[in-house]
Amino acid sequence: MKKVIFTIIVASFIMGCNRVAPVKTIENLNAAFIGESTASARYEAFARIAADAGNTAVAVLFKAASKSEAIHAGNHKKVLEGLGQVVKPVNPEITTADVLANLNTALSGESYEVSTMYPGFIASAKNENVKKAVKSFNWAFDTEKKHQVFYAAAIKAITDSTETSLPEGYAICPVCGNTYDVSAMDEKCAFCQTPNKEFIIVK
């Protein structure tokens, strides 16, 4: 019996040593971490521009999105560290413009993540069977789709001078970054089931 157990342990060790590292997923996680960290810093700067211009509702949207992207970055970092990676902090250089141009920049970034970046990252993570990366990527992907809608609505509101039609605040899930119009929250996060009493409220 002892010999059988010893054989199983040795076989398991050999199999573990022969596992191929999820190279593509690690590369994608690093890219996503940098991208989300940069987006968080960018949206924080955009919020200041909007506030200074008197576009309060847009400033609140940017603040909320900044917090959400920071959560995504943190989730990607945790997965990387779980894979034995050392994650370096990101200090991006941020370029800003006027409020409408900043909104268009934000919408363009979200649209790329929704149409191209995250679908590709999710496919690679599934292929390399990195389940935690699939979850982290999916949480970000699903949230960016909501951000895309919020930014499109904000662009229309600024263009039509109807900013008062925008949400007065947003609720962000602290676990997955899911973002709600504060007046239309679910009782639990639709993505990760976190109770709404734990949501971060930005007004």
N, C-alpha and C. Protein backbone atom coordinates (compact mmCIF):
# COMPACT_ATOMS: atom_id res chain seq x y z
N MET A 1 0.84 -1.21 0.00
CA MET A 1 0.00 0.00 0.00
C MET A 1 0.87 1.25 0.00
N LYS A 2 1.91 1.24 0.85
CA LYS A 2 2.82 2.38 0.92
C LYS A 2 3.50 2.61 -0.42
N LYS A 3 3.83 1.51 -1.10
CA LYS A 3 4.49 1.62 -2.39
C LYS A 3 3.58 2.26 -3.42
N VAL A 4 2.28 1.91 -3.37
CA VAL A 4 1.30 2.48 -4.30
C VAL A 4 1.15 3.98 -4.06
N ILE A 5 1.04 4.36 -2.78
CA ILE A 5 0.90 5.77 -2.44
C ILE A 5 2.13 6.55 -2.89
N PHE A 6 3.32 5.97 -2.66
CA PHE A 6 4.56 6.64 -3.07
C PHE A 6 4.60 6.84 -4.58
N THR A 7 4.15 5.81 -5.30
CA THR A 7 4.13 5.89 -6.77
C THR A 7 3.20 6.99 -7.25
N ILE A 8 2.03 7.10 -6.61
CA ILE A 8 1.06 8.14 -6.98
C ILE A 8 1.64 9.53 -6.73
N ILE A 9 2.31 9.70 -5.58
CA ILE A 9 2.90 11.00 -5.24
C ILE A 9 3.97 11.39 -6.25
N VAL A 10 4.82 10.43 -6.59
CA VAL A 10 5.89 10.69 -7.57
C VAL A 10 5.30 11.05 -8.92
N ALA A 11 4.27 10.30 -9.34
CA ALA A 11 3.64 10.56 -10.64
C ALA A 11 3.01 11.94 -10.68
N SER A 12 2.36 12.30 -9.57
CA SER A 12 1.73 13.63 -9.49
C SER A 12 2.78 14.73 -9.56
N PHE A 13 3.92 14.51 -8.90
CA PHE A 13 4.99 15.51 -8.92
C PHE A 13 5.54 15.68 -10.33
N ILE A 14 5.74 14.57 -11.02
CA ILE A 14 6.27 14.61 -12.38
C ILE A 14 5.30 15.32 -13.31
N MET A 15 4.01 15.01 -13.17
CA MET A 15 2.99 15.65 -14.00
C MET A 15 2.96 17.15 -13.75
N GLY A 16 3.09 17.52 -12.45
CA GLY A 16 3.09 18.94 -12.12
C GLY A 16 4.27 19.67 -12.73
N CYS A 17 5.42 19.03 -12.72
CA CYS A 17 6.63 19.65 -13.28
C CYS A 17 6.53 19.79 -14.79
N ASN A 18 5.76 18.92 -15.42
CA ASN A 18 5.66 18.92 -16.87
C ASN A 18 4.55 19.83 -17.40
N ARG A 19 3.79 20.47 -16.49
CA ARG A 19 2.72 21.34 -16.94
C ARG A 19 3.28 22.55 -17.67
N VAL A 20 2.63 22.90 -18.74
CA VAL A 20 3.07 24.05 -19.52
C VAL A 20 2.44 25.30 -18.92
N ALA A 21 3.26 26.32 -18.68
CA ALA A 21 2.75 27.57 -18.13
C ALA A 21 1.80 28.23 -19.13
N PRO A 22 0.72 28.86 -18.64
CA PRO A 22 -0.23 29.52 -19.54
C PRO A 22 0.34 30.85 -20.06
N VAL A 23 1.30 30.74 -20.94
CA VAL A 23 2.07 31.90 -21.40
C VAL A 23 1.18 33.00 -21.97
N LYS A 24 0.26 32.63 -22.85
CA LYS A 24 -0.58 33.63 -23.50
C LYS A 24 -1.50 34.31 -22.49
N THR A 25 -2.04 33.54 -21.56
CA THR A 25 -2.93 34.11 -20.56
C THR A 25 -2.18 35.07 -19.64
N ILE A 26 -0.97 34.70 -19.27
CA ILE A 26 -0.15 35.59 -18.44
C ILE A 26 0.13 36.89 -19.19
N GLU A 27 0.45 36.77 -20.47
CA GLU A 27 0.69 37.96 -21.30
C GLU A 27 -0.58 38.84 -21.35
N ASN A 28 -1.72 38.20 -21.54
CA ASN A 28 -2.98 38.93 -21.63
C ASN A 28 -3.37 39.56 -20.29
N LEU A 29 -3.13 38.85 -19.20
CA LEU A 29 -3.42 39.41 -17.88
C LEU A 29 -2.58 40.65 -17.62
N ASN A 30 -1.31 40.59 -18.00
CA ASN A 30 -0.44 41.76 -17.85
C ASN A 30 -0.96 42.93 -18.67
N ALA A 31 -1.35 42.66 -19.92
CA ALA A 31 -1.88 43.72 -20.79
C ALA A 31 -3.16 44.30 -20.21
N ALA A 32 -4.03 43.42 -19.69
CA ALA A 32 -5.29 43.88 -19.10
C ALA A 32 -5.06 44.68 -17.83
N PHE A 33 -4.11 44.24 -17.01
CA PHE A 33 -3.78 44.97 -15.78
C PHE A 33 -3.29 46.39 -16.11
N ILE A 34 -2.39 46.48 -17.07
CA ILE A 34 -1.88 47.79 -17.48
C ILE A 34 -3.00 48.64 -18.08
N GLY A 35 -3.82 48.03 -18.93
CA GLY A 35 -4.91 48.75 -19.57
C GLY A 35 -5.93 49.27 -18.58
N GLU A 36 -6.31 48.44 -17.63
CA GLU A 36 -7.32 48.86 -16.65
C GLU A 36 -6.75 49.89 -15.66
N SER A 37 -5.49 49.73 -15.29
CA SER A 37 -4.85 50.71 -14.41
C SER A 37 -4.76 52.07 -15.10
N THR A 38 -4.42 52.03 -16.39
CA THR A 38 -4.34 53.26 -17.17
C THR A 38 -5.71 53.91 -17.32
N ALA A 39 -6.73 53.08 -17.61
CA ALA A 39 -8.09 53.60 -17.75
C ALA A 39 -8.57 54.24 -16.46
N SER A 40 -8.26 53.63 -15.33
CA SER A 40 -8.66 54.18 -14.04
C SER A 40 -8.07 55.57 -13.82
N ALA A 41 -6.78 55.70 -14.10
CA ALA A 41 -6.10 56.99 -13.95
C ALA A 41 -6.64 58.00 -14.95
N ARG A 42 -6.88 57.54 -16.18
CA ARG A 42 -7.39 58.43 -17.22
C ARG A 42 -8.78 58.97 -16.85
N TYR A 43 -9.66 58.09 -16.39
CA TYR A 43 -11.01 58.52 -16.06
C TYR A 43 -11.03 59.45 -14.85
N GLU A 44 -10.10 59.24 -13.93
CA GLU A 44 -9.99 60.15 -12.78
C GLU A 44 -9.63 61.55 -13.27
N ALA A 45 -8.69 61.62 -14.23
CA ALA A 45 -8.31 62.92 -14.79
C ALA A 45 -9.46 63.53 -15.58
N PHE A 46 -10.17 62.68 -16.33
CA PHE A 46 -11.33 63.17 -17.11
C PHE A 46 -12.42 63.71 -16.18
N ALA A 47 -12.57 63.10 -15.01
CA ALA A 47 -13.57 63.55 -14.05
C ALA A 47 -13.27 64.97 -13.59
N ARG A 48 -11.99 65.27 -13.36
CA ARG A 48 -11.60 66.62 -12.93
C ARG A 48 -11.91 67.64 -14.03
N ILE A 49 -11.64 67.27 -15.28
CA ILE A 49 -11.92 68.16 -16.41
C ILE A 49 -13.42 68.46 -16.48
N ALA A 50 -14.24 67.41 -16.35
CA ALA A 50 -15.69 67.57 -16.43
C ALA A 50 -16.21 68.42 -15.27
N ALA A 51 -15.69 68.19 -14.08
CA ALA A 51 -16.12 68.97 -12.91
C ALA A 51 -15.78 70.44 -13.08
N ASP A 52 -14.58 70.70 -13.56
CA ASP A 52 -14.15 72.09 -13.77
C ASP A 52 -15.00 72.79 -14.84
N ALA A 53 -15.50 71.99 -15.80
CA ALA A 53 -16.32 72.56 -16.87
C ALA A 53 -17.78 72.69 -16.47
N GLY A 54 -18.12 72.23 -15.28
CA GLY A 54 -19.50 72.30 -14.81
C GLY A 54 -20.38 71.16 -15.27
N ASN A 55 -19.77 70.12 -15.86
CA ASN A 55 -20.53 68.94 -16.30
C ASN A 55 -20.52 67.90 -15.18
N THR A 56 -21.31 68.19 -14.15
CA THR A 56 -21.29 67.38 -12.93
C THR A 56 -21.66 65.92 -13.16
N ALA A 57 -22.70 65.67 -13.93
CA ALA A 57 -23.15 64.29 -14.16
C ALA A 57 -22.08 63.47 -14.88
N VAL A 58 -21.39 64.12 -15.82
CA VAL A 58 -20.32 63.42 -16.55
C VAL A 58 -19.14 63.17 -15.61
N ALA A 59 -18.83 64.13 -14.75
CA ALA A 59 -17.75 63.95 -13.78
C ALA A 59 -18.04 62.75 -12.87
N VAL A 60 -19.28 62.62 -12.45
CA VAL A 60 -19.67 61.49 -11.58
C VAL A 60 -19.52 60.17 -12.34
N LEU A 61 -19.89 60.14 -13.61
CA LEU A 61 -19.73 58.94 -14.42
C LEU A 61 -18.26 58.55 -14.51
N PHE A 62 -17.39 59.52 -14.79
CA PHE A 62 -15.96 59.22 -14.89
C PHE A 62 -15.39 58.72 -13.56
N LYS A 63 -15.83 59.32 -12.45
CA LYS A 63 -15.37 58.87 -11.13
C LYS A 63 -15.76 57.42 -10.88
N ALA A 64 -17.01 57.10 -11.21
CA ALA A 64 -17.50 55.73 -11.01
C ALA A 64 -16.74 54.74 -11.88
N ALA A 65 -16.55 55.11 -13.14
CA ALA A 65 -15.83 54.21 -14.06
C ALA A 65 -14.39 54.02 -13.60
N SER A 66 -13.78 55.08 -13.07
CA SER A 66 -12.41 54.97 -12.57
C SER A 66 -12.31 53.94 -11.46
N LYS A 67 -13.26 53.97 -10.53
CA LYS A 67 -13.26 52.99 -9.43
C LYS A 67 -13.47 51.57 -9.96
N SER A 68 -14.36 51.45 -10.93
CA SER A 68 -14.65 50.13 -11.52
C SER A 68 -13.41 49.56 -12.19
N GLU A 69 -12.71 50.39 -12.97
CA GLU A 69 -11.52 49.91 -13.68
C GLU A 69 -10.41 49.53 -12.69
N ALA A 70 -10.33 50.25 -11.59
CA ALA A 70 -9.34 49.92 -10.57
C ALA A 70 -9.62 48.53 -9.97
N ILE A 71 -10.90 48.21 -9.81
CA ILE A 71 -11.28 46.88 -9.32
C ILE A 71 -10.88 45.81 -10.32
N HIS A 72 -11.12 46.08 -11.60
CA HIS A 72 -10.71 45.11 -12.64
C HIS A 72 -9.20 44.90 -12.61
N ALA A 73 -8.46 46.00 -12.51
CA ALA A 73 -7.00 45.89 -12.46
C ALA A 73 -6.57 45.05 -11.26
N GLY A 74 -7.21 45.28 -10.12
CA GLY A 74 -6.89 44.51 -8.92
C GLY A 74 -7.18 43.03 -9.08
N ASN A 75 -8.28 42.71 -9.74
CA ASN A 75 -8.62 41.30 -9.97
C ASN A 75 -7.60 40.63 -10.89
N HIS A 76 -7.21 41.32 -11.94
CA HIS A 76 -6.21 40.76 -12.86
C HIS A 76 -4.88 40.55 -12.13
N LYS A 77 -4.55 41.50 -11.27
CA LYS A 77 -3.29 41.39 -10.51
C LYS A 77 -3.31 40.16 -9.60
N LYS A 78 -4.44 39.92 -8.93
CA LYS A 78 -4.54 38.76 -8.05
C LYS A 78 -4.33 37.45 -8.81
N VAL A 79 -4.90 37.37 -10.02
CA VAL A 79 -4.74 36.16 -10.81
C VAL A 79 -3.28 36.00 -11.22
N LEU A 80 -2.66 37.08 -11.63
CA LEU A 80 -1.24 37.03 -12.01
C LEU A 80 -0.37 36.56 -10.84
N GLU A 81 -0.62 37.12 -9.68
CA GLU A 81 0.17 36.73 -8.51
C GLU A 81 -0.08 35.28 -8.14
N GLY A 82 -1.31 34.82 -8.36
CA GLY A 82 -1.62 33.41 -8.13
C GLY A 82 -0.89 32.48 -9.08
N LEU A 83 -0.49 33.03 -10.22
CA LEU A 83 0.29 32.27 -11.20
C LEU A 83 1.79 32.46 -11.00
N GLY A 84 2.15 33.08 -9.88
CA GLY A 84 3.56 33.25 -9.54
C GLY A 84 4.24 34.43 -10.20
N GLN A 85 3.46 35.38 -10.70
CA GLN A 85 4.02 36.53 -11.39
C GLN A 85 4.21 37.71 -10.44
N VAL A 86 5.25 38.49 -10.67
CA VAL A 86 5.47 39.72 -9.94
C VAL A 86 4.88 40.86 -10.77
N VAL A 87 3.95 41.59 -10.19
CA VAL A 87 3.24 42.64 -10.92
C VAL A 87 3.76 44.01 -10.51
N LYS A 88 4.28 44.74 -11.48
CA LYS A 88 4.83 46.07 -11.20
C LYS A 88 3.73 47.13 -11.28
N PRO A 89 3.81 48.16 -10.45
CA PRO A 89 2.81 49.23 -10.50
C PRO A 89 2.86 49.98 -11.82
N VAL A 90 1.75 50.58 -12.20
CA VAL A 90 1.63 51.31 -13.46
C VAL A 90 1.52 52.81 -13.17
N ASN A 91 2.35 53.60 -13.83
CA ASN A 91 2.31 55.05 -13.69
C ASN A 91 2.17 55.68 -15.08
N PRO A 92 0.96 55.64 -15.63
CA PRO A 92 0.76 56.09 -17.02
C PRO A 92 0.79 57.62 -17.17
N GLU A 93 1.18 58.04 -18.35
CA GLU A 93 1.07 59.45 -18.70
C GLU A 93 -0.31 59.66 -19.32
N ILE A 94 -1.05 60.62 -18.80
CA ILE A 94 -2.43 60.82 -19.23
C ILE A 94 -2.56 62.10 -20.03
N THR A 95 -3.22 62.00 -21.18
CA THR A 95 -3.52 63.16 -22.01
C THR A 95 -5.02 63.44 -21.92
N THR A 96 -5.37 64.69 -21.70
CA THR A 96 -6.79 65.06 -21.61
C THR A 96 -7.15 66.10 -22.67
N ALA A 97 -8.44 66.24 -22.90
CA ALA A 97 -8.94 67.25 -23.84
C ALA A 97 -10.20 67.85 -23.22
N ASP A 98 -11.13 68.32 -24.06
CA ASP A 98 -12.37 68.85 -23.50
C ASP A 98 -13.31 67.68 -23.15
N VAL A 99 -14.42 67.99 -22.52
CA VAL A 99 -15.31 66.96 -21.99
C VAL A 99 -15.82 66.02 -23.07
N LEU A 100 -16.30 66.56 -24.18
CA LEU A 100 -16.84 65.71 -25.24
C LEU A 100 -15.76 64.83 -25.85
N ALA A 101 -14.58 65.39 -26.08
CA ALA A 101 -13.48 64.59 -26.64
C ALA A 101 -13.07 63.48 -25.67
N ASN A 102 -13.05 63.81 -24.38
CA ASN A 102 -12.71 62.79 -23.37
C ASN A 102 -13.75 61.66 -23.35
N LEU A 103 -15.01 62.02 -23.50
CA LEU A 103 -16.06 60.99 -23.56
C LEU A 103 -15.88 60.10 -24.78
N ASN A 104 -15.54 60.70 -25.90
CA ASN A 104 -15.32 59.90 -27.11
C ASN A 104 -14.10 58.99 -26.97
N THR A 105 -13.07 59.48 -26.30
CA THR A 105 -11.89 58.65 -26.03
C THR A 105 -12.27 57.46 -25.16
N ALA A 106 -13.08 57.73 -24.12
CA ALA A 106 -13.52 56.66 -23.22
C ALA A 106 -14.37 55.64 -23.95
N LEU A 107 -15.29 56.12 -24.78
CA LEU A 107 -16.16 55.21 -25.53
C LEU A 107 -15.35 54.35 -26.48
N SER A 108 -14.36 54.94 -27.13
CA SER A 108 -13.52 54.19 -28.05
C SER A 108 -12.76 53.08 -27.32
N GLY A 109 -12.24 53.40 -26.14
CA GLY A 109 -11.52 52.39 -25.36
C GLY A 109 -12.42 51.25 -24.92
N GLU A 110 -13.60 51.58 -24.43
CA GLU A 110 -14.54 50.55 -24.00
C GLU A 110 -14.99 49.69 -25.18
N SER A 111 -15.21 50.32 -26.31
CA SER A 111 -15.67 49.59 -27.50
C SER A 111 -14.62 48.59 -27.96
N TYR A 112 -13.35 48.97 -27.90
CA TYR A 112 -12.27 48.06 -28.26
C TYR A 112 -12.22 46.86 -27.31
N GLU A 113 -12.36 47.14 -26.02
CA GLU A 113 -12.32 46.05 -25.04
C GLU A 113 -13.48 45.07 -25.24
N VAL A 114 -14.65 45.62 -25.58
CA VAL A 114 -15.84 44.78 -25.76
C VAL A 114 -15.79 44.00 -27.06
N SER A 115 -15.36 44.63 -28.14
CA SER A 115 -15.41 43.98 -29.45
C SER A 115 -14.21 43.08 -29.72
N THR A 116 -13.07 43.41 -29.15
CA THR A 116 -11.83 42.73 -29.53
C THR A 116 -11.02 42.18 -28.36
N MET A 117 -10.65 43.05 -27.43
CA MET A 117 -9.67 42.65 -26.42
C MET A 117 -10.15 41.51 -25.52
N TYR A 118 -11.24 41.76 -24.78
CA TYR A 118 -11.66 40.75 -23.82
C TYR A 118 -12.17 39.45 -24.46
N PRO A 119 -12.89 39.50 -25.58
CA PRO A 119 -13.26 38.22 -26.20
C PRO A 119 -12.04 37.36 -26.54
N GLY A 120 -10.98 37.99 -27.04
CA GLY A 120 -9.76 37.26 -27.35
C GLY A 120 -9.08 36.73 -26.11
N PHE A 121 -9.04 37.55 -25.06
CA PHE A 121 -8.40 37.14 -23.81
C PHE A 121 -9.16 35.98 -23.17
N ILE A 122 -10.48 36.05 -23.20
CA ILE A 122 -11.30 34.98 -22.62
C ILE A 122 -11.08 33.67 -23.37
N ALA A 123 -11.04 33.74 -24.69
CA ALA A 123 -10.82 32.54 -25.51
C ALA A 123 -9.48 31.89 -25.18
N SER A 124 -8.43 32.70 -25.05
CA SER A 124 -7.10 32.16 -24.74
C SER A 124 -7.06 31.54 -23.35
N ALA A 125 -7.70 32.20 -22.38
CA ALA A 125 -7.71 31.68 -21.02
C ALA A 125 -8.47 30.35 -20.94
N LYS A 126 -9.56 30.25 -21.70
CA LYS A 126 -10.29 28.99 -21.75
C LYS A 126 -9.43 27.90 -22.39
N ASN A 127 -8.74 28.26 -23.44
CA ASN A 127 -7.89 27.31 -24.15
C ASN A 127 -6.76 26.79 -23.25
N GLU A 128 -6.24 27.67 -22.39
CA GLU A 128 -5.16 27.27 -21.48
C GLU A 128 -5.69 26.83 -20.12
N ASN A 129 -7.02 26.79 -19.99
CA ASN A 129 -7.70 26.29 -18.79
C ASN A 129 -7.29 27.04 -17.52
N VAL A 130 -7.26 28.37 -17.63
CA VAL A 130 -6.97 29.20 -16.46
C VAL A 130 -8.30 29.81 -16.00
N LYS A 131 -9.01 29.08 -15.15
CA LYS A 131 -10.37 29.44 -14.79
C LYS A 131 -10.48 30.79 -14.09
N LYS A 132 -9.53 31.10 -13.23
CA LYS A 132 -9.59 32.39 -12.52
C LYS A 132 -9.40 33.55 -13.48
N ALA A 133 -8.60 33.36 -14.51
CA ALA A 133 -8.43 34.40 -15.52
C ALA A 133 -9.71 34.56 -16.34
N VAL A 134 -10.35 33.45 -16.66
CA VAL A 134 -11.62 33.51 -17.40
C VAL A 134 -12.63 34.33 -16.60
N LYS A 135 -12.71 34.08 -15.30
CA LYS A 135 -13.66 34.81 -14.45
C LYS A 135 -13.31 36.30 -14.41
N SER A 136 -12.05 36.62 -14.18
CA SER A 136 -11.63 38.02 -14.09
C SER A 136 -11.87 38.75 -15.40
N PHE A 137 -11.54 38.10 -16.51
CA PHE A 137 -11.77 38.70 -17.83
C PHE A 137 -13.27 38.89 -18.10
N ASN A 138 -14.07 37.90 -17.74
CA ASN A 138 -15.51 37.99 -17.98
C ASN A 138 -16.15 39.11 -17.16
N TRP A 139 -15.73 39.24 -15.90
CA TRP A 139 -16.26 40.33 -15.07
C TRP A 139 -15.97 41.68 -15.72
N ALA A 140 -14.75 41.86 -16.19
CA ALA A 140 -14.38 43.12 -16.83
C ALA A 140 -15.15 43.30 -18.14
N PHE A 141 -15.21 42.25 -18.93
CA PHE A 141 -15.90 42.29 -20.23
C PHE A 141 -17.36 42.70 -20.06
N ASP A 142 -18.05 42.06 -19.14
CA ASP A 142 -19.47 42.36 -18.92
C ASP A 142 -19.67 43.79 -18.40
N THR A 143 -18.75 44.25 -17.57
CA THR A 143 -18.85 45.61 -17.06
C THR A 143 -18.58 46.65 -18.14
N GLU A 144 -17.57 46.37 -18.98
CA GLU A 144 -17.23 47.34 -20.04
C GLU A 144 -18.40 47.53 -21.01
N LYS A 145 -19.20 46.50 -21.18
CA LYS A 145 -20.39 46.64 -22.03
C LYS A 145 -21.35 47.66 -21.44
N LYS A 146 -21.45 47.68 -20.12
CA LYS A 146 -22.32 48.65 -19.45
C LYS A 146 -21.70 50.05 -19.52
N HIS A 147 -20.38 50.15 -19.34
CA HIS A 147 -19.71 51.43 -19.46
C HIS A 147 -19.89 52.01 -20.86
N GLN A 148 -19.84 51.14 -21.84
CA GLN A 148 -20.02 51.57 -23.23
C GLN A 148 -21.37 52.27 -23.40
N VAL A 149 -22.40 51.70 -22.82
CA VAL A 149 -23.75 52.28 -22.89
C VAL A 149 -23.80 53.61 -22.14
N PHE A 150 -23.20 53.67 -20.96
CA PHE A 150 -23.19 54.90 -20.17
C PHE A 150 -22.48 56.04 -20.92
N TYR A 151 -21.35 55.72 -21.54
CA TYR A 151 -20.59 56.75 -22.25
C TYR A 151 -21.34 57.23 -23.50
N ALA A 152 -21.97 56.31 -24.21
CA ALA A 152 -22.75 56.70 -25.40
C ALA A 152 -23.89 57.62 -25.00
N ALA A 153 -24.54 57.33 -23.88
CA ALA A 153 -25.64 58.17 -23.40
C ALA A 153 -25.12 59.55 -22.99
N ALA A 154 -23.94 59.57 -22.38
CA ALA A 154 -23.37 60.84 -21.94
C ALA A 154 -22.99 61.71 -23.13
N ILE A 155 -22.45 61.10 -24.17
CA ILE A 155 -22.10 61.84 -25.38
C ILE A 155 -23.35 62.47 -25.99
N LYS A 156 -24.42 61.69 -26.05
CA LYS A 156 -25.67 62.21 -26.61
C LYS A 156 -26.21 63.36 -25.74
N ALA A 157 -26.10 63.20 -24.43
CA ALA A 157 -26.61 64.23 -23.52
C ALA A 157 -25.83 65.53 -23.66
N ILE A 158 -24.53 65.43 -23.79
CA ILE A 158 -23.71 66.64 -23.96
C ILE A 158 -24.01 67.29 -25.30
N THR A 159 -24.12 66.47 -26.33
CA THR A 159 -24.40 66.98 -27.67
C THR A 159 -25.77 67.66 -27.74
N ASP A 160 -26.74 67.08 -27.04
CA ASP A 160 -28.12 67.61 -27.09
C ASP A 160 -28.43 68.58 -25.95
N SER A 161 -27.40 68.86 -25.13
CA SER A 161 -27.60 69.74 -23.96
C SER A 161 -28.69 69.22 -23.03
N THR A 162 -28.66 67.92 -22.78
CA THR A 162 -29.66 67.29 -21.89
C THR A 162 -28.96 66.52 -20.77
N GLU A 163 -27.92 67.09 -20.20
CA GLU A 163 -27.13 66.39 -19.20
C GLU A 163 -27.95 66.01 -17.96
N THR A 164 -29.02 66.74 -17.71
CA THR A 164 -29.85 66.42 -16.55
C THR A 164 -30.55 65.07 -16.69
N SER A 165 -30.55 64.49 -17.89
CA SER A 165 -31.17 63.19 -18.11
C SER A 165 -30.27 62.04 -17.65
N LEU A 166 -29.02 62.35 -17.37
CA LEU A 166 -28.06 61.31 -16.98
C LEU A 166 -28.26 60.91 -15.51
N PRO A 167 -27.81 59.71 -15.13
CA PRO A 167 -27.94 59.28 -13.73
C PRO A 167 -27.27 60.26 -12.78
N GLU A 168 -27.84 60.40 -11.60
CA GLU A 168 -27.26 61.30 -10.60
C GLU A 168 -26.14 60.63 -9.82
N GLY A 169 -26.04 59.32 -9.97
CA GLY A 169 -24.99 58.58 -9.28
C GLY A 169 -24.90 57.16 -9.77
N TYR A 170 -23.87 56.46 -9.32
CA TYR A 170 -23.62 55.09 -9.77
C TYR A 170 -23.25 54.22 -8.57
N ALA A 171 -23.53 52.94 -8.68
CA ALA A 171 -23.18 51.97 -7.65
C ALA A 171 -22.23 50.96 -8.27
N ILE A 172 -21.10 50.73 -7.60
CA ILE A 172 -20.07 49.83 -8.14
C ILE A 172 -19.89 48.64 -7.22
N CYS A 173 -19.94 47.45 -7.78
CA CYS A 173 -19.68 46.24 -6.99
C CYS A 173 -18.20 46.20 -6.65
N PRO A 174 -17.85 46.06 -5.38
CA PRO A 174 -16.44 46.07 -4.98
C PRO A 174 -15.70 44.79 -5.34
N VAL A 175 -16.43 43.76 -5.73
CA VAL A 175 -15.81 42.47 -6.05
C VAL A 175 -15.48 42.36 -7.53
N CYS A 176 -16.42 42.71 -8.39
CA CYS A 176 -16.22 42.51 -9.84
C CYS A 176 -16.20 43.80 -10.66
N GLY A 177 -16.57 44.92 -10.03
CA GLY A 177 -16.56 46.18 -10.75
C GLY A 177 -17.83 46.51 -11.51
N ASN A 178 -18.81 45.62 -11.47
CA ASN A 178 -20.10 45.88 -12.14
C ASN A 178 -20.62 47.25 -11.74
N THR A 179 -21.16 47.98 -12.69
CA THR A 179 -21.57 49.37 -12.46
C THR A 179 -23.05 49.56 -12.77
N TYR A 180 -23.78 50.13 -11.82
CA TYR A 180 -25.21 50.37 -11.96
C TYR A 180 -25.52 51.86 -11.89
N ASP A 181 -26.57 52.29 -12.60
CA ASP A 181 -27.25 53.54 -12.29
C ASP A 181 -27.75 53.37 -10.86
N VAL A 182 -27.43 54.30 -9.97
CA VAL A 182 -27.75 54.13 -8.56
C VAL A 182 -29.26 53.97 -8.32
N SER A 183 -30.07 54.43 -9.26
CA SER A 183 -31.52 54.33 -9.10
C SER A 183 -32.06 53.00 -9.61
N ALA A 184 -31.19 52.14 -10.14
CA ALA A 184 -31.66 50.88 -10.72
C ALA A 184 -30.76 49.71 -10.34
N MET A 185 -30.42 49.61 -9.06
CA MET A 185 -29.56 48.53 -8.59
C MET A 185 -30.34 47.22 -8.42
N ASP A 186 -29.67 46.11 -8.65
CA ASP A 186 -30.21 44.81 -8.29
C ASP A 186 -29.95 44.58 -6.80
N GLU A 187 -30.69 43.66 -6.20
CA GLU A 187 -30.45 43.35 -4.79
C GLU A 187 -29.09 42.70 -4.60
N LYS A 188 -28.68 41.95 -5.61
CA LYS A 188 -27.35 41.35 -5.61
C LYS A 188 -26.72 41.62 -6.97
N CYS A 189 -25.40 41.74 -6.98
CA CYS A 189 -24.70 41.96 -8.24
C CYS A 189 -25.04 40.87 -9.23
N ALA A 190 -25.41 41.26 -10.44
CA ALA A 190 -25.80 40.29 -11.47
C ALA A 190 -24.63 39.43 -11.92
N PHE A 191 -23.41 39.88 -11.67
CA PHE A 191 -22.23 39.14 -12.14
C PHE A 191 -21.62 38.22 -11.08
N CYS A 192 -21.58 38.69 -9.82
CA CYS A 192 -20.89 37.90 -8.79
C CYS A 192 -21.72 37.66 -7.54
N GLN A 193 -22.97 38.17 -7.52
CA GLN A 193 -23.92 37.95 -6.43
C GLN A 193 -23.55 38.64 -5.11
N THR A 194 -22.72 39.66 -5.17
CA THR A 194 -22.41 40.44 -3.98
C THR A 194 -23.64 41.27 -3.59
N PRO A 195 -24.06 41.29 -2.32
CA PRO A 195 -25.24 42.07 -1.89
C PRO A 195 -25.03 43.57 -2.17
N ASN A 196 -26.10 44.25 -2.57
CA ASN A 196 -25.96 45.66 -2.92
C ASN A 196 -25.61 46.56 -1.73
N LYS A 197 -25.79 46.07 -0.50
CA LYS A 197 -25.40 46.87 0.66
C LYS A 197 -23.89 47.07 0.71
N GLU A 198 -23.14 46.26 -0.04
CA GLU A 198 -21.70 46.39 -0.09
C GLU A 198 -21.20 47.24 -1.25
N PHE A 199 -22.12 47.68 -2.10
CA PHE A 199 -21.74 48.46 -3.28
C PHE A 199 -21.12 49.80 -2.87
N ILE A 200 -20.23 50.31 -3.73
CA ILE A 200 -19.63 51.62 -3.54
C ILE A 200 -20.52 52.63 -4.28
N ILE A 201 -21.01 53.62 -3.58
CA ILE A 201 -21.89 54.63 -4.18
C ILE A 201 -21.08 55.87 -4.54
N VAL A 202 -21.21 56.29 -5.79
CA VAL A 202 -20.53 57.49 -6.26
C VAL A 202 -21.57 58.48 -6.75
N LYS A 203 -21.59 59.67 -6.12
CA LYS A 203 -22.53 60.72 -6.51
C LYS A 203 -21.80 62.05 -6.64
